[in-house]
Amino acid sequence: MELADRAVGLLLSVISLSIFTYYTFWVIILPFVDSDHFVHKYFLPQEYAILIPVYAGVGLICFLSVFIGYVMLKSKKKKA
């Protein structure tokens, strides 16, 4: 079981590092590269650099709100 946990942890770390590297390159370095350079075809337009995190944050807040509400309602039913 410990080996499976380590493999999952390694996989999550690699995915997180890949996303962080991609986003950092996209937001910080890409604006300084000429717009006709071939590397631009591997990235979305710059507007999405703001829209994706905003939508992800709103989705996370909505999910947490629903989860907290569900837990509060469930704990009230147990007390009664």
Protein backbone atom coordinates (compact mmCIF):
# COMPACT_ATOMS: atom_id res chain seq x y z
CA MET A 1 0.00 0.00 0.00
CA GLU A 2 2.85 2.38 0.78
CA LEU A 3 4.25 1.99 -2.73
CA ALA A 4 0.88 2.89 -4.26
CA ASP A 5 0.67 5.98 -2.06
CA ARG A 6 4.14 7.05 -3.12
CA ALA A 7 3.27 6.52 -6.79
CA VAL A 8 0.12 8.62 -6.47
CA GLY A 9 2.04 11.32 -4.63
CA LEU A 10 4.74 11.35 -7.29
CA LEU A 11 2.13 11.52 -10.05
CA LEU A 12 0.32 14.42 -8.37
CA SER A 13 3.61 16.24 -7.84
CA VAL A 14 4.62 15.81 -11.49
CA ILE A 15 1.21 17.00 -12.71
CA SER A 16 1.25 20.02 -10.39
CA LEU A 17 4.79 20.96 -11.40
CA SER A 18 3.89 20.61 -15.08
CA ILE A 19 0.84 22.85 -14.75
CA PHE A 20 2.81 25.41 -12.75
CA THR A 21 5.62 25.46 -15.32
CA TYR A 22 3.22 25.73 -18.26
CA TYR A 23 1.21 28.56 -16.64
CA THR A 24 4.32 30.45 -15.55
CA PHE A 25 5.81 30.28 -19.03
CA TRP A 26 2.47 31.27 -20.57
CA VAL A 27 1.91 34.30 -18.32
CA ILE A 28 5.40 35.60 -17.58
CA ILE A 29 7.68 34.65 -20.48
CA LEU A 30 5.38 34.38 -23.52
CA PRO A 31 4.43 38.10 -23.67
CA PHE A 32 8.10 38.90 -24.35
CA VAL A 33 8.35 36.44 -27.27
CA ASP A 34 7.57 37.70 -30.79
CA SER A 35 3.98 36.97 -31.80
CA ASP A 36 5.06 35.20 -35.00
CA HIS A 37 7.28 32.73 -33.13
CA PHE A 38 6.28 29.05 -33.43
CA VAL A 39 5.95 28.60 -29.66
CA HIS A 40 2.72 30.66 -29.61
CA LYS A 41 0.78 27.85 -31.27
CA TYR A 42 1.18 25.72 -28.11
CA PHE A 43 -0.59 28.23 -25.85
CA LEU A 44 -4.09 29.65 -25.60
CA PRO A 45 -4.68 33.40 -26.07
CA GLN A 46 -3.66 35.61 -23.13
CA GLU A 47 -7.28 36.32 -22.11
CA TYR A 48 -7.60 32.74 -20.91
CA ALA A 49 -4.69 33.24 -18.51
CA ILE A 50 -7.11 35.26 -16.36
CA LEU A 51 -10.41 33.57 -17.21
CA ILE A 52 -9.37 30.00 -16.39
CA PRO A 53 -8.18 30.73 -12.80
CA VAL A 54 -11.19 32.97 -12.15
CA TYR A 55 -13.66 30.30 -13.27
CA ALA A 56 -11.75 27.65 -11.34
CA GLY A 57 -11.85 29.82 -8.21
CA VAL A 58 -15.58 30.51 -8.54
CA GLY A 59 -16.22 26.81 -9.11
CA LEU A 60 -14.15 25.92 -6.03
CA ILE A 61 -15.99 28.46 -3.87
CA CYS A 62 -19.36 27.14 -5.09
CA PHE A 63 -18.32 23.55 -4.40
CA LEU A 64 -17.06 24.42 -0.91
CA SER A 65 -20.25 26.35 -0.14
CA VAL A 66 -22.45 23.44 -1.17
CA PHE A 67 -20.25 20.98 0.73
CA ILE A 68 -20.29 23.06 3.93
CA GLY A 69 -24.06 23.51 3.64
CA TYR A 70 -24.53 19.78 3.16
CA VAL A 71 -22.37 18.96 6.19
CA MET A 72 -24.23 21.51 8.32
CA LEU A 73 -27.62 20.09 7.32
CA LYS A 74 -26.44 16.55 7.92
CA SER A 75 -25.06 17.39 11.37
CA LYS A 76 -28.37 19.07 12.35
CA LYS A 77 -30.29 15.90 11.51
CA LYS A 78 -27.95 13.80 13.67
CA LYS A 79 -28.48 16.06 16.71
CA ALA A 80 -32.28 16.01 16.41
